[in-house]
Every structure is written in structure tokens, then in C-alpha cells.
PDB file of all heavy atoms in Angstrom:
ATOM      1  N   THR A   1      15.018  -0.645 -10.653  1.00  0.00           N
ATOM      2  CA  THR A   1      13.786  -1.123 -11.212  1.00  0.00           C
ATOM      3  C   THR A   1      12.639  -0.701 -10.264  1.00  0.00           C
ATOM      4  O   THR A   1      12.347  -1.536  -9.354  1.00  0.00           O
ATOM      5  CB  THR A   1      13.878  -2.623 -11.541  1.00  0.00           C
ATOM      6  OG1 THR A   1      14.935  -2.904 -12.354  1.00  0.00           O
ATOM      7  CG2 THR A   1      12.484  -3.017 -12.262  1.00  0.00           C
ATOM      8  N   PRO A   2      11.999   0.424 -10.421  1.00  0.00           N
ATOM      9  CA  PRO A   2      11.050   0.854  -9.472  1.00  0.00           C
ATOM     10  C   PRO A   2       9.761   0.060  -9.591  1.00  0.00           C
ATOM     11  O   PRO A   2       9.295  -0.212 -10.723  1.00  0.00           O
ATOM     12  CB  PRO A   2      10.811   2.297  -9.879  1.00  0.00           C
ATOM     13  CG  PRO A   2      11.130   2.377 -11.331  1.00  0.00           C
ATOM     14  CD  PRO A   2      12.216   1.435 -11.573  1.00  0.00           C
ATOM     15  N   THR A   3       9.282  -0.319  -8.486  1.00  0.00           N
ATOM     16  CA  THR A   3       7.964  -0.949  -8.384  1.00  0.00           C
ATOM     17  C   THR A   3       7.177  -0.133  -7.366  1.00  0.00           C
ATOM     18  O   THR A   3       7.781   0.595  -6.586  1.00  0.00           O
ATOM     19  CB  THR A   3       7.959  -2.417  -8.050  1.00  0.00           C
ATOM     20  OG1 THR A   3       8.543  -2.536  -6.729  1.00  0.00           O
ATOM     21  CG2 THR A   3       8.674  -3.226  -9.042  1.00  0.00           C
ATOM     22  N   ALA A   4       5.847  -0.312  -7.333  1.00  0.00           N
ATOM     23  CA  ALA A   4       5.078   0.547  -6.423  1.00  0.00           C
ATOM     24  C   ALA A   4       3.915  -0.305  -5.918  1.00  0.00           C
ATOM     25  O   ALA A   4       3.659  -1.439  -6.370  1.00  0.00           O
ATOM     26  CB  ALA A   4       4.599   1.741  -7.130  1.00  0.00           C
ATOM     27  N   SER A   5       3.126   0.275  -5.030  1.00  0.00           N
ATOM     28  CA  SER A   5       1.882  -0.285  -4.551  1.00  0.00           C
ATOM     29  C   SER A   5       0.884   0.810  -4.362  1.00  0.00           C
ATOM     30  O   SER A   5       1.258   1.986  -4.143  1.00  0.00           O
ATOM     31  CB  SER A   5       2.036  -1.046  -3.273  1.00  0.00           C
ATOM     32  OG  SER A   5       2.513  -0.213  -2.254  1.00  0.00           O
ATOM     33  N   THR A   6      -0.406   0.494  -4.550  1.00  0.00           N
ATOM     34  CA  THR A   6      -1.449   1.419  -4.248  1.00  0.00           C
ATOM     35  C   THR A   6      -1.695   1.483  -2.771  1.00  0.00           C
ATOM     36  O   THR A   6      -1.108   0.822  -1.973  1.00  0.00           O
ATOM     37  CB  THR A   6      -2.722   1.087  -4.987  1.00  0.00           C
ATOM     38  OG1 THR A   6      -3.185  -0.202  -4.454  1.00  0.00           O
ATOM     39  CG2 THR A   6      -2.480   0.943  -6.460  1.00  0.00           C
ATOM     40  N   SER A   7      -2.545   2.530  -2.345  1.00  0.00           N
ATOM     41  CA  SER A   7      -2.824   2.704  -0.935  1.00  0.00           C
ATOM     42  C   SER A   7      -3.457   1.480  -0.326  1.00  0.00           C
ATOM     43  O   SER A   7      -3.436   1.331   0.875  1.00  0.00           O
ATOM     44  CB  SER A   7      -3.660   3.966  -0.743  1.00  0.00           C
ATOM     45  OG  SER A   7      -4.899   3.854  -1.484  1.00  0.00           O
ATOM     46  N   ASP A   8      -4.098   0.672  -1.110  1.00  0.00           N
ATOM     47  CA  ASP A   8      -4.784  -0.545  -0.581  1.00  0.00           C
ATOM     48  C   ASP A   8      -3.829  -1.824  -0.775  1.00  0.00           C
ATOM     49  O   ASP A   8      -4.293  -2.941  -0.816  1.00  0.00           O
ATOM     50  CB  ASP A   8      -6.102  -0.833  -1.224  1.00  0.00           C
ATOM     51  CG  ASP A   8      -6.056  -1.020  -2.728  1.00  0.00           C
ATOM     52  OD1 ASP A   8      -4.951  -0.959  -3.327  1.00  0.00           O
ATOM     53  OD2 ASP A   8      -7.124  -1.289  -3.330  1.00  0.00           O
ATOM     54  N   GLN A   9      -2.533  -1.567  -1.013  1.00  0.00           N
ATOM     55  CA  GLN A   9      -1.528  -2.567  -1.083  1.00  0.00           C
ATOM     56  C   GLN A   9      -1.597  -3.447  -2.301  1.00  0.00           C
ATOM     57  O   GLN A   9      -1.008  -4.537  -2.348  1.00  0.00           O
ATOM     58  CB  GLN A   9      -1.572  -3.475   0.172  1.00  0.00           C
ATOM     59  CG  GLN A   9      -1.400  -2.741   1.475  1.00  0.00           C
ATOM     60  CD  GLN A   9      -0.111  -1.913   1.519  1.00  0.00           C
ATOM     61  OE1 GLN A   9       0.944  -2.401   1.247  1.00  0.00           O
ATOM     62  NE2 GLN A   9      -0.206  -0.592   1.821  1.00  0.00           N
ATOM     63  N   THR A  10      -2.225  -2.965  -3.380  1.00  0.00           N
ATOM     64  CA  THR A  10      -2.118  -3.713  -4.665  1.00  0.00           C
ATOM     65  C   THR A  10      -0.849  -3.439  -5.348  1.00  0.00           C
ATOM     66  O   THR A  10      -0.420  -2.230  -5.517  1.00  0.00           O
ATOM     67  CB  THR A  10      -3.296  -3.208  -5.591  1.00  0.00           C
ATOM     68  OG1 THR A  10      -4.566  -3.497  -4.924  1.00  0.00           O
ATOM     69  CG2 THR A  10      -3.263  -3.975  -6.926  1.00  0.00           C
ATOM     70  N   HIS A  11      -0.127  -4.509  -5.798  1.00  0.00           N
ATOM     71  CA  HIS A  11       1.134  -4.348  -6.369  1.00  0.00           C
ATOM     72  C   HIS A  11       1.055  -3.769  -7.784  1.00  0.00           C
ATOM     73  O   HIS A  11       0.164  -4.108  -8.524  1.00  0.00           O
ATOM     74  CB  HIS A  11       1.906  -5.714  -6.441  1.00  0.00           C
ATOM     75  CG  HIS A  11       3.151  -5.644  -7.182  1.00  0.00           C
ATOM     76  ND1 HIS A  11       4.367  -5.137  -6.588  1.00  0.00           N
ATOM     77  CD2 HIS A  11       3.556  -6.044  -8.377  1.00  0.00           C
ATOM     78  CE1 HIS A  11       5.332  -5.234  -7.440  1.00  0.00           C
ATOM     79  NE2 HIS A  11       4.924  -5.747  -8.556  1.00  0.00           N
ATOM     80  N   VAL A  12       1.920  -2.816  -8.161  1.00  0.00           N
ATOM     81  CA  VAL A  12       2.026  -2.281  -9.496  1.00  0.00           C
ATOM     82  C   VAL A  12       3.369  -2.542 -10.095  1.00  0.00           C
ATOM     83  O   VAL A  12       4.436  -2.273  -9.459  1.00  0.00           O
ATOM     84  CB  VAL A  12       1.784  -0.702  -9.475  1.00  0.00           C
ATOM     85  CG1 VAL A  12       1.882  -0.176 -10.836  1.00  0.00           C
ATOM     86  CG2 VAL A  12       0.426  -0.455  -8.857  1.00  0.00           C
ATOM     87  N   GLY A  13       3.387  -3.150 -11.261  1.00  0.00           N
ATOM     88  CA  GLY A  13       4.690  -3.645 -11.821  1.00  0.00           C
ATOM     89  C   GLY A  13       5.676  -2.518 -12.237  1.00  0.00           C
ATOM     90  O   GLY A  13       5.280  -1.355 -12.308  1.00  0.00           O
ATOM     91  N   ALA A  14       6.872  -2.951 -12.568  1.00  0.00           N
ATOM     92  CA  ALA A  14       7.899  -1.895 -12.852  1.00  0.00           C
ATOM     93  C   ALA A  14       7.607  -1.013 -14.086  1.00  0.00           C
ATOM     94  O   ALA A  14       7.848   0.077 -14.097  1.00  0.00           O
ATOM     95  CB  ALA A  14       9.251  -2.592 -13.044  1.00  0.00           C
ATOM     96  N   VAL A  15       7.036  -1.765 -15.116  1.00  0.00           N
ATOM     97  CA  VAL A  15       6.803  -1.007 -16.403  1.00  0.00           C
ATOM     98  C   VAL A  15       5.697   0.077 -16.189  1.00  0.00           C
ATOM     99  O   VAL A  15       5.912   1.250 -16.576  1.00  0.00           O
ATOM    100  CB  VAL A  15       6.316  -1.981 -17.524  1.00  0.00           C
ATOM    101  CG1 VAL A  15       5.791  -1.145 -18.693  1.00  0.00           C
ATOM    102  CG2 VAL A  15       7.506  -2.850 -17.945  1.00  0.00           C
ATOM    103  N   THR A  16       4.626  -0.236 -15.492  1.00  0.00           N
ATOM    104  CA  THR A  16       3.579   0.696 -15.218  1.00  0.00           C
ATOM    105  C   THR A  16       4.105   1.838 -14.332  1.00  0.00           C
ATOM    106  O   THR A  16       3.816   3.017 -14.551  1.00  0.00           O
ATOM    107  CB  THR A  16       2.373   0.026 -14.548  1.00  0.00           C
ATOM    108  OG1 THR A  16       1.810  -0.941 -15.502  1.00  0.00           O
ATOM    109  CG2 THR A  16       1.269   1.013 -14.260  1.00  0.00           C
ATOM    110  N   THR A  17       4.837   1.492 -13.303  1.00  0.00           N
ATOM    111  CA  THR A  17       5.409   2.442 -12.369  1.00  0.00           C
ATOM    112  C   THR A  17       6.346   3.464 -13.140  1.00  0.00           C
ATOM    113  O   THR A  17       6.258   4.693 -13.009  1.00  0.00           O
ATOM    114  CB  THR A  17       6.149   1.856 -11.235  1.00  0.00           C
ATOM    115  OG1 THR A  17       5.309   0.933 -10.562  1.00  0.00           O
ATOM    116  CG2 THR A  17       6.756   2.890 -10.294  1.00  0.00           C
ATOM    117  N   GLU A  18       7.254   2.876 -13.945  1.00  0.00           N
ATOM    118  CA  GLU A  18       8.150   3.704 -14.653  1.00  0.00           C
ATOM    119  C   GLU A  18       7.447   4.612 -15.612  1.00  0.00           C
ATOM    120  O   GLU A  18       7.813   5.799 -15.772  1.00  0.00           O
ATOM    121  CB  GLU A  18       9.127   2.796 -15.475  1.00  0.00           C
ATOM    122  CG  GLU A  18      10.183   3.445 -16.264  1.00  0.00           C
ATOM    123  CD  GLU A  18      11.117   2.403 -16.936  1.00  0.00           C
ATOM    124  OE1 GLU A  18      10.699   1.856 -17.953  1.00  0.00           O
ATOM    125  OE2 GLU A  18      12.221   2.216 -16.461  1.00  0.00           O
ATOM    126  N   THR A  19       6.365   4.158 -16.272  1.00  0.00           N
ATOM    127  CA  THR A  19       5.637   5.011 -17.252  1.00  0.00           C
ATOM    128  C   THR A  19       4.901   6.183 -16.456  1.00  0.00           C
ATOM    129  O   THR A  19       4.986   7.286 -16.944  1.00  0.00           O
ATOM    130  CB  THR A  19       4.572   4.153 -17.972  1.00  0.00           C
ATOM    131  OG1 THR A  19       5.207   3.037 -18.595  1.00  0.00           O
ATOM    132  CG2 THR A  19       3.838   5.031 -18.986  1.00  0.00           C
ATOM    133  N   LEU A  20       4.280   5.835 -15.352  1.00  0.00           N
ATOM    134  CA  LEU A  20       3.567   6.936 -14.618  1.00  0.00           C
ATOM    135  C   LEU A  20       4.551   7.975 -14.002  1.00  0.00           C
ATOM    136  O   LEU A  20       4.199   9.128 -13.935  1.00  0.00           O
ATOM    137  CB  LEU A  20       2.704   6.287 -13.529  1.00  0.00           C
ATOM    138  CG  LEU A  20       1.545   5.471 -13.932  1.00  0.00           C
ATOM    139  CD1 LEU A  20       0.937   4.759 -12.728  1.00  0.00           C
ATOM    140  CD2 LEU A  20       0.546   6.257 -14.658  1.00  0.00           C
ATOM    141  N   LEU A  21       5.771   7.507 -13.747  1.00  0.00           N
ATOM    142  CA  LEU A  21       6.731   8.477 -13.197  1.00  0.00           C
ATOM    143  C   LEU A  21       7.236   9.547 -14.182  1.00  0.00           C
ATOM    144  O   LEU A  21       7.755  10.505 -13.831  1.00  0.00           O
ATOM    145  CB  LEU A  21       7.997   7.677 -12.686  1.00  0.00           C
ATOM    146  CG  LEU A  21       7.796   6.982 -11.282  1.00  0.00           C
ATOM    147  CD1 LEU A  21       9.032   6.171 -11.026  1.00  0.00           C
ATOM    148  CD2 LEU A  21       7.543   7.938 -10.195  1.00  0.00           C
ATOM    149  N   CYS A  22       6.943   9.273 -15.480  1.00  0.00           N
ATOM    150  CA  CYS A  22       7.299  10.258 -16.486  1.00  0.00           C
ATOM    151  C   CYS A  22       6.648  11.597 -16.321  1.00  0.00           C
ATOM    152  O   CYS A  22       7.222  12.632 -16.587  1.00  0.00           O
ATOM    153  CB  CYS A  22       7.033   9.678 -17.927  1.00  0.00           C
ATOM    154  SG  CYS A  22       8.367   8.809 -18.677  1.00  0.00           S
ATOM    155  N   ASP A  23       5.411  11.560 -15.914  1.00  0.00           N
ATOM    156  CA  ASP A  23       4.554  12.802 -15.921  1.00  0.00           C
ATOM    157  C   ASP A  23       3.592  12.729 -14.677  1.00  0.00           C
ATOM    158  O   ASP A  23       2.486  12.248 -14.842  1.00  0.00           O
ATOM    159  CB  ASP A  23       3.892  12.982 -17.156  1.00  0.00           C
ATOM    160  CG  ASP A  23       3.280  14.317 -17.370  1.00  0.00           C
ATOM    161  OD1 ASP A  23       3.454  15.217 -16.528  1.00  0.00           O
ATOM    162  OD2 ASP A  23       2.606  14.508 -18.397  1.00  0.00           O
ATOM    163  N   CYS A  24       4.090  13.246 -13.488  1.00  0.00           N
ATOM    164  CA  CYS A  24       3.256  13.037 -12.298  1.00  0.00           C
ATOM    165  C   CYS A  24       3.643  14.094 -11.263  1.00  0.00           C
ATOM    166  O   CYS A  24       4.452  14.939 -11.508  1.00  0.00           O
ATOM    167  CB  CYS A  24       3.536  11.655 -11.701  1.00  0.00           C
ATOM    168  SG  CYS A  24       5.223  11.364 -11.230  1.00  0.00           S
ATOM    169  N   VAL A  25       2.972  14.086 -10.189  1.00  0.00           N
ATOM    170  CA  VAL A  25       3.246  14.899  -9.017  1.00  0.00           C
ATOM    171  C   VAL A  25       3.893  14.023  -8.028  1.00  0.00           C
ATOM    172  O   VAL A  25       3.359  12.952  -7.619  1.00  0.00           O
ATOM    173  CB  VAL A  25       2.000  15.560  -8.465  1.00  0.00           C
ATOM    174  CG1 VAL A  25       2.387  16.374  -7.256  1.00  0.00           C
ATOM    175  CG2 VAL A  25       1.413  16.418  -9.541  1.00  0.00           C
ATOM    176  N   ILE A  26       5.098  14.381  -7.525  1.00  0.00           N
ATOM    177  CA  ILE A  26       5.856  13.715  -6.546  1.00  0.00           C
ATOM    178  C   ILE A  26       5.686  14.289  -5.174  1.00  0.00           C
ATOM    179  O   ILE A  26       5.968  15.482  -5.022  1.00  0.00           O
ATOM    180  CB  ILE A  26       7.362  13.545  -6.899  1.00  0.00           C
ATOM    181  CG1 ILE A  26       7.592  12.993  -8.301  1.00  0.00           C
ATOM    182  CG2 ILE A  26       8.121  12.776  -5.819  1.00  0.00           C
ATOM    183  CD1 ILE A  26       7.122  11.489  -8.408  1.00  0.00           C
ATOM    184  N   HIS A  27       5.293  13.494  -4.203  1.00  0.00           N
ATOM    185  CA  HIS A  27       5.215  13.954  -2.836  1.00  0.00           C
ATOM    186  C   HIS A  27       6.347  13.196  -2.042  1.00  0.00           C
ATOM    187  O   HIS A  27       6.314  11.975  -1.988  1.00  0.00           O
ATOM    188  CB  HIS A  27       3.856  13.670  -2.141  1.00  0.00           C
ATOM    189  CG  HIS A  27       2.809  14.505  -2.705  1.00  0.00           C
ATOM    190  ND1 HIS A  27       2.460  15.747  -2.246  1.00  0.00           N
ATOM    191  CD2 HIS A  27       1.914  14.254  -3.799  1.00  0.00           C
ATOM    192  CE1 HIS A  27       1.401  16.253  -2.979  1.00  0.00           C
ATOM    193  NE2 HIS A  27       1.135  15.348  -3.885  1.00  0.00           N
ATOM    194  N   ARG A  28       7.195  13.912  -1.380  1.00  0.00           N
ATOM    195  CA  ARG A  28       8.178  13.285  -0.541  1.00  0.00           C
ATOM    196  C   ARG A  28       7.574  13.048   0.878  1.00  0.00           C
ATOM    197  O   ARG A  28       7.006  13.913   1.430  1.00  0.00           O
ATOM    198  CB  ARG A  28       9.443  14.245  -0.363  1.00  0.00           C
ATOM    199  CG  ARG A  28      10.463  13.702   0.628  1.00  0.00           C
ATOM    200  CD  ARG A  28      11.725  14.629   0.522  1.00  0.00           C
ATOM    201  NE  ARG A  28      11.408  16.030   0.834  1.00  0.00           N
ATOM    202  CZ  ARG A  28      11.271  16.510   2.033  1.00  0.00           C
ATOM    203  NH1 ARG A  28      11.469  15.721   3.081  1.00  0.00           N
ATOM    204  NH2 ARG A  28      11.020  17.810   2.248  1.00  0.00           N
ATOM    205  N   VAL A  29       7.723  11.791   1.320  1.00  0.00           N
ATOM    206  CA  VAL A  29       7.181  11.384   2.630  1.00  0.00           C
ATOM    207  C   VAL A  29       8.384  10.770   3.422  1.00  0.00           C
ATOM    208  O   VAL A  29       8.975   9.794   2.998  1.00  0.00           O
ATOM    209  CB  VAL A  29       6.045  10.365   2.558  1.00  0.00           C
ATOM    210  CG1 VAL A  29       5.574  10.021   3.906  1.00  0.00           C
ATOM    211  CG2 VAL A  29       4.900  11.009   1.722  1.00  0.00           C
ATOM    212  N   LEU A  30       8.727  11.356   4.557  1.00  0.00           N
ATOM    213  CA  LEU A  30       9.673  10.832   5.448  1.00  0.00           C
ATOM    214  C   LEU A  30       9.072   9.960   6.497  1.00  0.00           C
ATOM    215  O   LEU A  30       8.096  10.366   7.162  1.00  0.00           O
ATOM    216  CB  LEU A  30      10.543  11.947   6.073  1.00  0.00           C
ATOM    217  CG  LEU A  30      11.292  12.861   5.134  1.00  0.00           C
ATOM    218  CD1 LEU A  30      12.123  13.908   5.924  1.00  0.00           C
ATOM    219  CD2 LEU A  30      12.219  12.053   4.169  1.00  0.00           C
ATOM    220  N   ARG A  31       9.559   8.779   6.719  1.00  0.00           N
ATOM    221  CA  ARG A  31       9.040   7.884   7.710  1.00  0.00           C
ATOM    222  C   ARG A  31      10.047   7.403   8.764  1.00  0.00           C
ATOM    223  O   ARG A  31      11.245   7.331   8.430  1.00  0.00           O
ATOM    224  CB  ARG A  31       8.473   6.621   7.097  1.00  0.00           C
ATOM    225  CG  ARG A  31       7.326   6.807   6.092  1.00  0.00           C
ATOM    226  CD  ARG A  31       6.835   5.520   5.453  1.00  0.00           C
ATOM    227  NE  ARG A  31       5.707   5.673   4.524  1.00  0.00           N
ATOM    228  CZ  ARG A  31       4.480   5.575   4.868  1.00  0.00           C
ATOM    229  NH1 ARG A  31       4.136   5.306   6.052  1.00  0.00           N
ATOM    230  NH2 ARG A  31       3.523   5.778   3.906  1.00  0.00           N
ATOM    231  N   ALA A  32       9.611   7.143   9.887  1.00  0.00           N
ATOM    232  CA  ALA A  32      10.356   6.450  10.896  1.00  0.00           C
ATOM    233  C   ALA A  32       9.589   5.198  11.277  1.00  0.00           C
ATOM    234  O   ALA A  32       8.617   5.347  12.102  1.00  0.00           O
ATOM    235  CB  ALA A  32      10.588   7.436  12.150  1.00  0.00           C
ATOM    236  N   GLY A  33       9.936   4.065  10.709  1.00  0.00           N
ATOM    237  CA  GLY A  33       9.057   2.955  10.912  1.00  0.00           C
ATOM    238  C   GLY A  33       7.745   3.191  10.252  1.00  0.00           C
ATOM    239  O   GLY A  33       7.633   3.505   9.049  1.00  0.00           O
ATOM    240  N   ASN A  34       6.640   3.059  11.020  1.00  0.00           N
ATOM    241  CA  ASN A  34       5.347   3.327  10.445  1.00  0.00           C
ATOM    242  C   ASN A  34       4.820   4.701  10.745  1.00  0.00           C
ATOM    243  O   ASN A  34       3.731   5.050  10.372  1.00  0.00           O
ATOM    244  CB  ASN A  34       4.324   2.354  11.054  1.00  0.00           C
ATOM    245  CG  ASN A  34       4.542   0.908  10.626  1.00  0.00           C
ATOM    246  OD1 ASN A  34       4.996   0.646   9.524  1.00  0.00           O
ATOM    247  ND2 ASN A  34       4.301  -0.057  11.582  1.00  0.00           N
ATOM    248  N   THR A  35       5.729   5.609  11.331  1.00  0.00           N
ATOM    249  CA  THR A  35       5.352   6.909  11.666  1.00  0.00           C
ATOM    250  C   THR A  35       5.817   7.936  10.554  1.00  0.00           C
ATOM    251  O   THR A  35       6.925   7.922  10.163  1.00  0.00           O
ATOM    252  CB  THR A  35       5.950   7.389  12.972  1.00  0.00           C
ATOM    253  OG1 THR A  35       5.530   6.474  13.964  1.00  0.00           O
ATOM    254  CG2 THR A  35       5.537   8.766  13.290  1.00  0.00           C
ATOM    255  N   ILE A  36       4.850   8.700  10.093  1.00  0.00           N
ATOM    256  CA  ILE A  36       5.159   9.733   8.970  1.00  0.00           C
ATOM    257  C   ILE A  36       5.760  10.984   9.716  1.00  0.00           C
ATOM    258  O   ILE A  36       5.018  11.590  10.618  1.00  0.00           O
ATOM    259  CB  ILE A  36       3.951  10.086   8.092  1.00  0.00           C
ATOM    260  CG1 ILE A  36       3.497   8.770   7.355  1.00  0.00           C
ATOM    261  CG2 ILE A  36       4.319  11.158   7.128  1.00  0.00           C
ATOM    262  CD1 ILE A  36       2.236   9.064   6.573  1.00  0.00           C
ATOM    263  N   LEU A  37       6.992  11.412   9.283  1.00  0.00           N
ATOM    264  CA  LEU A  37       7.603  12.549   9.929  1.00  0.00           C
ATOM    265  C   LEU A  37       7.413  13.809   9.114  1.00  0.00           C
ATOM    266  O   LEU A  37       7.282  14.863   9.696  1.00  0.00           O
ATOM    267  CB  LEU A  37       9.085  12.293  10.152  1.00  0.00           C
ATOM    268  CG  LEU A  37       9.524  11.077  10.998  1.00  0.00           C
ATOM    269  CD1 LEU A  37      11.028  10.992  11.028  1.00  0.00           C
ATOM    270  CD2 LEU A  37       8.900  11.225  12.384  1.00  0.00           C
ATOM    271  N   ASN A  38       7.348  13.686   7.825  1.00  0.00           N
ATOM    272  CA  ASN A  38       7.383  14.865   7.003  1.00  0.00           C
ATOM    273  C   ASN A  38       6.809  14.536   5.586  1.00  0.00           C
ATOM    274  O   ASN A  38       7.214  13.548   5.012  1.00  0.00           O
ATOM    275  CB  ASN A  38       8.769  15.450   6.781  1.00  0.00           C
ATOM    276  CG  ASN A  38       8.787  16.808   6.247  1.00  0.00           C
ATOM    277  OD1 ASN A  38       7.997  17.099   5.371  1.00  0.00           O
ATOM    278  ND2 ASN A  38       9.609  17.694   6.774  1.00  0.00           N
ATOM    279  N   TYR A  39       5.804  15.284   5.091  1.00  0.00           N
ATOM    280  CA  TYR A  39       5.274  15.046   3.772  1.00  0.00           C
ATOM    281  C   TYR A  39       5.944  15.793   2.700  1.00  0.00           C
ATOM    282  O   TYR A  39       5.699  15.659   1.526  1.00  0.00           O
ATOM    283  CB  TYR A  39       3.751  15.404   3.779  1.00  0.00           C
ATOM    284  CG  TYR A  39       2.870  14.434   4.339  1.00  0.00           C
ATOM    285  CD1 TYR A  39       2.409  14.521   5.724  1.00  0.00           C
ATOM    286  CD2 TYR A  39       2.424  13.386   3.636  1.00  0.00           C
ATOM    287  CE1 TYR A  39       1.555  13.567   6.200  1.00  0.00           C
ATOM    288  CE2 TYR A  39       1.586  12.346   4.178  1.00  0.00           C
ATOM    289  CZ  TYR A  39       1.163  12.540   5.479  1.00  0.00           C
ATOM    290  OH  TYR A  39       0.367  11.539   6.030  1.00  0.00           O
ATOM    291  N   GLY A  40       6.856  16.703   3.094  1.00  0.00           N
ATOM    292  CA  GLY A  40       7.693  17.454   2.152  1.00  0.00           C
ATOM    293  C   GLY A  40       6.819  18.364   1.341  1.00  0.00           C
ATOM    294  O   GLY A  40       5.752  18.852   1.696  1.00  0.00           O
ATOM    295  N   ARG A  41       7.231  18.643   0.023  1.00  0.00           N
ATOM    296  CA  ARG A  41       6.524  19.524  -0.837  1.00  0.00           C
ATOM    297  C   ARG A  41       6.313  18.841  -2.221  1.00  0.00           C
ATOM    298  O   ARG A  41       7.253  18.137  -2.694  1.00  0.00           O
ATOM    299  CB  ARG A  41       7.320  20.819  -1.038  1.00  0.00           C
ATOM    300  CG  ARG A  41       6.694  21.794  -1.925  1.00  0.00           C
ATOM    301  CD  ARG A  41       7.528  23.133  -1.874  1.00  0.00           C
ATOM    302  NE  ARG A  41       8.833  22.982  -2.515  1.00  0.00           N
ATOM    303  CZ  ARG A  41       9.050  23.131  -3.787  1.00  0.00           C
ATOM    304  NH1 ARG A  41       8.098  23.487  -4.580  1.00  0.00           N
ATOM    305  NH2 ARG A  41      10.286  22.928  -4.228  1.00  0.00           N
ATOM    306  N   ALA A  42       5.227  18.991  -2.819  1.00  0.00           N
ATOM    307  CA  ALA A  42       4.930  18.451  -4.154  1.00  0.00           C
ATOM    308  C   ALA A  42       5.833  19.138  -5.174  1.00  0.00           C
ATOM    309  O   ALA A  42       6.003  20.250  -5.202  1.00  0.00           O
ATOM    310  CB  ALA A  42       3.446  18.549  -4.464  1.00  0.00           C
ATOM    311  N   THR A  43       6.462  18.238  -6.024  1.00  0.00           N
ATOM    312  CA  THR A  43       7.176  18.776  -7.152  1.00  0.00           C
ATOM    313  C   THR A  43       6.607  18.158  -8.478  1.00  0.00           C
ATOM    314  O   THR A  43       6.428  16.973  -8.554  1.00  0.00           O
ATOM    315  CB  THR A  43       8.690  18.368  -7.098  1.00  0.00           C
ATOM    316  OG1 THR A  43       8.797  16.986  -6.996  1.00  0.00           O
ATOM    317  CG2 THR A  43       9.280  19.078  -5.758  1.00  0.00           C
TER     318      THR A  43
END
């Protein structure tokens, strides 16, 4: 049950997250704690 948050930490519910995931651009981000290691490639 995916949930999400915006960049300002506002919670987004599962239904809205699931709907937006149908047609979007996905960026992979690899983290080690709070450090971003890799932004990957948009798909």
C-alpha cells in the first residue's frame, strides 16, 4: 500500500499515490542514511 510525502513533508494518502503512479516519471534515488548516492535515470 504505497504512501508518499511531498518535498515539504506533507503526507499523501495511498489512493492518491496509487493514482499518480499510473502515469508519471519515476526517478530512482539511492540513499545511505540522509546522503543521496545516486539519482539514477528517469523512466
